[in-house]
Amino acid sequence: MSWTVESARDLAVEALGFIAADPDLTQAMLANAGLRPEDLRRLASSPDLAQFVLDFVLDDDGRVLDFAAHAGVRPESVMAARTVLAGPGSAGWEAD
């Protein structure tokens, strides 16, 4: 799949739903970000949140595999989507 900013954000929204369905993952993500649940609601439409959510998923191999299976995408697609959101120069990605 060729990722666009819109499709990468859609995947991040799906990842946020995946995380929100698991109280332990939700707490881990909030602790990782130093956020409270009400902060998350306020930031829900922030473009930076989409990248953070995918970074959080990518931080753990098991988490990536579980989310990719849930979303029906290949695990490497999560990194590809994150790279689209972060732009050129992130994680070794270079513009053509």
N, C-alpha and C. Protein backbone atom coordinates (compact mmCIF):
# COMPACT_ATOMS: atom_id res chain seq x y z
N MET A 1 0.83 -1.18 0.00
CA MET A 1 0.00 0.00 0.00
C MET A 1 0.88 1.24 0.00
N SER A 2 0.47 2.21 -0.76
CA SER A 2 1.14 3.50 -0.78
C SER A 2 0.42 4.42 0.19
N TRP A 3 1.13 4.89 1.19
CA TRP A 3 0.52 5.68 2.26
C TRP A 3 0.49 7.15 1.90
N THR A 4 -0.62 7.79 2.17
CA THR A 4 -0.75 9.24 2.09
C THR A 4 -0.84 9.76 3.52
N VAL A 5 -0.75 11.05 3.69
CA VAL A 5 -0.91 11.61 5.03
C VAL A 5 -2.28 11.25 5.58
N GLU A 6 -3.30 11.33 4.74
CA GLU A 6 -4.65 11.00 5.19
C GLU A 6 -4.79 9.54 5.60
N SER A 7 -4.26 8.62 4.79
CA SER A 7 -4.39 7.20 5.14
C SER A 7 -3.53 6.86 6.36
N ALA A 8 -2.39 7.54 6.52
CA ALA A 8 -1.55 7.32 7.70
C ALA A 8 -2.27 7.81 8.95
N ARG A 9 -2.95 8.95 8.86
CA ARG A 9 -3.72 9.45 10.00
C ARG A 9 -4.88 8.51 10.32
N ASP A 10 -5.50 7.96 9.28
CA ASP A 10 -6.57 6.99 9.50
C ASP A 10 -6.06 5.77 10.25
N LEU A 11 -4.86 5.31 9.89
CA LEU A 11 -4.27 4.17 10.59
C LEU A 11 -3.98 4.54 12.05
N ALA A 12 -3.52 5.76 12.28
CA ALA A 12 -3.25 6.21 13.64
C ALA A 12 -4.55 6.27 14.46
N VAL A 13 -5.64 6.68 13.85
CA VAL A 13 -6.93 6.70 14.54
C VAL A 13 -7.33 5.27 14.90
N GLU A 14 -7.12 4.35 13.97
CA GLU A 14 -7.42 2.95 14.26
C GLU A 14 -6.52 2.43 15.39
N ALA A 15 -5.26 2.84 15.38
CA ALA A 15 -4.33 2.44 16.45
C ALA A 15 -4.77 3.00 17.79
N LEU A 16 -5.26 4.24 17.79
CA LEU A 16 -5.74 4.83 19.04
C LEU A 16 -6.93 4.05 19.57
N GLY A 17 -7.82 3.63 18.70
CA GLY A 17 -8.95 2.80 19.12
C GLY A 17 -8.48 1.47 19.68
N PHE A 18 -7.48 0.87 19.04
CA PHE A 18 -6.90 -0.39 19.49
C PHE A 18 -6.32 -0.22 20.89
N ILE A 19 -5.61 0.87 21.10
CA ILE A 19 -5.00 1.14 22.40
C ILE A 19 -6.08 1.40 23.45
N ALA A 20 -7.08 2.20 23.08
CA ALA A 20 -8.14 2.57 24.02
C ALA A 20 -8.95 1.36 24.48
N ALA A 21 -8.99 0.31 23.67
CA ALA A 21 -9.74 -0.90 24.03
C ALA A 21 -9.03 -1.73 25.09
N ASP A 22 -7.79 -1.41 25.37
CA ASP A 22 -7.00 -2.16 26.36
C ASP A 22 -6.55 -1.20 27.46
N PRO A 23 -7.14 -1.32 28.65
CA PRO A 23 -6.80 -0.38 29.74
C PRO A 23 -5.30 -0.33 30.05
N ASP A 24 -4.61 -1.46 29.98
CA ASP A 24 -3.18 -1.46 30.28
C ASP A 24 -2.40 -0.67 29.23
N LEU A 25 -2.76 -0.87 27.95
CA LEU A 25 -2.10 -0.11 26.88
C LEU A 25 -2.41 1.37 27.01
N THR A 26 -3.65 1.69 27.33
CA THR A 26 -4.04 3.08 27.48
C THR A 26 -3.21 3.75 28.57
N GLN A 27 -3.11 3.10 29.72
CA GLN A 27 -2.32 3.65 30.82
C GLN A 27 -0.85 3.79 30.43
N ALA A 28 -0.32 2.80 29.73
CA ALA A 28 1.09 2.86 29.31
C ALA A 28 1.31 4.03 28.36
N MET A 29 0.41 4.23 27.42
CA MET A 29 0.56 5.32 26.47
C MET A 29 0.45 6.67 27.18
N LEU A 30 -0.53 6.80 28.06
CA LEU A 30 -0.69 8.06 28.79
C LEU A 30 0.54 8.34 29.65
N ALA A 31 1.04 7.33 30.33
CA ALA A 31 2.24 7.50 31.16
C ALA A 31 3.44 7.87 30.30
N ASN A 32 3.56 7.24 29.14
CA ASN A 32 4.67 7.50 28.22
C ASN A 32 4.65 8.95 27.76
N ALA A 33 3.45 9.48 27.55
CA ALA A 33 3.31 10.85 27.05
C ALA A 33 3.20 11.88 28.16
N GLY A 34 3.02 11.41 29.40
CA GLY A 34 2.81 12.34 30.50
C GLY A 34 1.46 13.05 30.40
N LEU A 35 0.46 12.32 29.89
CA LEU A 35 -0.88 12.88 29.70
C LEU A 35 -1.89 12.26 30.65
N ARG A 36 -2.98 12.98 30.84
CA ARG A 36 -4.14 12.47 31.54
C ARG A 36 -5.21 12.17 30.50
N PRO A 37 -6.21 11.36 30.81
CA PRO A 37 -7.26 11.06 29.81
C PRO A 37 -7.90 12.31 29.22
N GLU A 38 -8.14 13.32 30.03
CA GLU A 38 -8.76 14.53 29.50
C GLU A 38 -7.84 15.27 28.53
N ASP A 39 -6.51 15.14 28.71
CA ASP A 39 -5.57 15.72 27.76
C ASP A 39 -5.68 15.03 26.41
N LEU A 40 -5.84 13.73 26.44
CA LEU A 40 -5.95 12.95 25.21
C LEU A 40 -7.17 13.38 24.41
N ARG A 41 -8.27 13.60 25.09
CA ARG A 41 -9.49 14.06 24.40
C ARG A 41 -9.25 15.41 23.73
N ARG A 42 -8.54 16.28 24.42
CA ARG A 42 -8.25 17.62 23.90
C ARG A 42 -7.32 17.56 22.70
N LEU A 43 -6.38 16.63 22.71
CA LEU A 43 -5.39 16.52 21.64
C LEU A 43 -5.81 15.60 20.50
N ALA A 44 -6.99 15.02 20.59
CA ALA A 44 -7.40 14.00 19.62
C ALA A 44 -7.27 14.43 18.17
N SER A 45 -7.47 15.69 17.86
CA SER A 45 -7.39 16.14 16.47
C SER A 45 -6.02 16.69 16.09
N SER A 46 -5.07 16.63 17.00
CA SER A 46 -3.74 17.16 16.73
C SER A 46 -2.96 16.23 15.79
N PRO A 47 -2.34 16.79 14.74
CA PRO A 47 -1.52 15.96 13.85
C PRO A 47 -0.37 15.27 14.58
N ASP A 48 0.17 15.92 15.62
CA ASP A 48 1.27 15.32 16.37
C ASP A 48 0.82 14.08 17.12
N LEU A 49 -0.43 14.04 17.52
CA LEU A 49 -0.93 12.87 18.25
C LEU A 49 -0.90 11.64 17.35
N ALA A 50 -1.22 11.79 16.08
CA ALA A 50 -1.21 10.66 15.16
C ALA A 50 0.19 10.03 15.09
N GLN A 51 1.20 10.87 14.96
CA GLN A 51 2.56 10.35 14.92
C GLN A 51 2.94 9.72 16.26
N PHE A 52 2.59 10.36 17.36
CA PHE A 52 2.90 9.80 18.67
C PHE A 52 2.26 8.44 18.86
N VAL A 53 1.01 8.29 18.45
CA VAL A 53 0.31 7.00 18.60
C VAL A 53 1.04 5.91 17.83
N LEU A 54 1.43 6.21 16.59
CA LEU A 54 2.16 5.19 15.81
C LEU A 54 3.54 4.93 16.41
N ASP A 55 4.19 5.95 16.92
CA ASP A 55 5.48 5.75 17.61
C ASP A 55 5.29 4.82 18.82
N PHE A 56 4.22 5.05 19.57
CA PHE A 56 3.95 4.20 20.73
C PHE A 56 3.73 2.75 20.30
N VAL A 57 2.98 2.54 19.26
CA VAL A 57 2.76 1.17 18.76
C VAL A 57 4.09 0.56 18.34
N LEU A 58 4.90 1.33 17.65
CA LEU A 58 6.17 0.83 17.12
C LEU A 58 7.22 0.59 18.20
N ASP A 59 6.99 1.11 19.39
CA ASP A 59 7.96 0.99 20.48
C ASP A 59 8.12 -0.43 21.00
N ASP A 60 7.20 -1.31 20.66
CA ASP A 60 7.23 -2.68 21.17
C ASP A 60 6.87 -3.65 20.04
N ASP A 61 7.74 -4.62 19.78
CA ASP A 61 7.51 -5.55 18.68
C ASP A 61 6.18 -6.28 18.80
N GLY A 62 5.86 -6.75 20.00
CA GLY A 62 4.60 -7.45 20.20
C GLY A 62 3.40 -6.56 19.93
N ARG A 63 3.53 -5.31 20.34
CA ARG A 63 2.45 -4.34 20.12
C ARG A 63 2.25 -4.11 18.62
N VAL A 64 3.34 -3.99 17.88
CA VAL A 64 3.24 -3.80 16.42
C VAL A 64 2.55 -5.00 15.79
N LEU A 65 2.97 -6.19 16.17
CA LEU A 65 2.39 -7.40 15.59
C LEU A 65 0.91 -7.52 15.93
N ASP A 66 0.56 -7.25 17.17
CA ASP A 66 -0.85 -7.33 17.57
C ASP A 66 -1.70 -6.29 16.84
N PHE A 67 -1.20 -5.07 16.76
CA PHE A 67 -1.98 -4.04 16.08
C PHE A 67 -2.09 -4.32 14.58
N ALA A 68 -1.00 -4.73 13.97
CA ALA A 68 -1.03 -5.01 12.53
C ALA A 68 -2.05 -6.11 12.22
N ALA A 69 -2.07 -7.15 13.04
CA ALA A 69 -3.06 -8.22 12.85
C ALA A 69 -4.47 -7.67 13.01
N HIS A 70 -4.67 -6.85 14.02
CA HIS A 70 -5.98 -6.23 14.26
C HIS A 70 -6.42 -5.37 13.08
N ALA A 71 -5.49 -4.58 12.54
CA ALA A 71 -5.80 -3.64 11.46
C ALA A 71 -5.79 -4.29 10.08
N GLY A 72 -5.28 -5.50 10.01
CA GLY A 72 -5.21 -6.17 8.71
C GLY A 72 -4.15 -5.59 7.79
N VAL A 73 -3.05 -5.11 8.38
CA VAL A 73 -1.94 -4.57 7.59
C VAL A 73 -0.67 -5.33 7.95
N ARG A 74 0.31 -5.21 7.09
CA ARG A 74 1.61 -5.82 7.39
C ARG A 74 2.29 -4.99 8.48
N PRO A 75 3.04 -5.63 9.36
CA PRO A 75 3.70 -4.87 10.44
C PRO A 75 4.56 -3.72 9.93
N GLU A 76 5.25 -3.92 8.82
CA GLU A 76 6.11 -2.85 8.29
C GLU A 76 5.30 -1.66 7.77
N SER A 77 4.02 -1.88 7.50
CA SER A 77 3.16 -0.79 7.06
C SER A 77 2.96 0.25 8.16
N VAL A 78 3.03 -0.18 9.41
CA VAL A 78 2.87 0.77 10.51
C VAL A 78 4.03 1.77 10.48
N MET A 79 5.24 1.27 10.26
CA MET A 79 6.40 2.17 10.15
C MET A 79 6.31 3.04 8.92
N ALA A 80 5.83 2.50 7.82
CA ALA A 80 5.69 3.29 6.59
C ALA A 80 4.70 4.44 6.81
N ALA A 81 3.61 4.16 7.48
CA ALA A 81 2.61 5.20 7.77
C ALA A 81 3.21 6.25 8.69
N ARG A 82 3.93 5.83 9.69
CA ARG A 82 4.57 6.76 10.63
C ARG A 82 5.57 7.66 9.91
N THR A 83 6.31 7.10 8.98
CA THR A 83 7.29 7.86 8.22
C THR A 83 6.62 8.91 7.36
N VAL A 84 5.48 8.57 6.78
CA VAL A 84 4.74 9.56 5.99
C VAL A 84 4.32 10.74 6.87
N LEU A 85 3.88 10.45 8.08
CA LEU A 85 3.47 11.53 8.99
C LEU A 85 4.65 12.38 9.44
N ALA A 86 5.79 11.76 9.67
CA ALA A 86 6.95 12.47 10.19
C ALA A 86 7.68 13.24 9.10
N GLY A 87 7.61 12.77 7.86
CA GLY A 87 8.22 13.46 6.75
C GLY A 87 9.66 13.06 6.47
N PRO A 88 10.22 13.66 5.43
CA PRO A 88 11.59 13.34 5.01
C PRO A 88 12.59 13.51 6.14
N GLY A 89 13.54 12.59 6.18
CA GLY A 89 14.59 12.65 7.18
C GLY A 89 14.29 11.90 8.48
N SER A 90 13.06 11.46 8.65
CA SER A 90 12.72 10.74 9.88
C SER A 90 13.03 9.27 9.70
N ALA A 91 13.59 8.67 10.71
CA ALA A 91 13.87 7.23 10.74
C ALA A 91 14.59 6.76 9.49
N GLY A 92 15.50 7.59 8.96
CA GLY A 92 16.31 7.18 7.81
C GLY A 92 15.63 7.32 6.47
N TRP A 93 14.41 7.84 6.43
CA TRP A 93 13.69 7.98 5.18
C TRP A 93 14.18 9.23 4.46
N GLU A 94 14.44 9.11 3.18
CA GLU A 94 14.88 10.25 2.39
C GLU A 94 13.91 10.46 1.23
N ALA A 95 13.67 11.70 0.90
CA ALA A 95 12.81 12.03 -0.25
C ALA A 95 13.50 11.62 -1.53
N ASP A 96 12.73 11.17 -2.50
CA ASP A 96 13.29 10.81 -3.82
C ASP A 96 13.68 12.05 -4.59
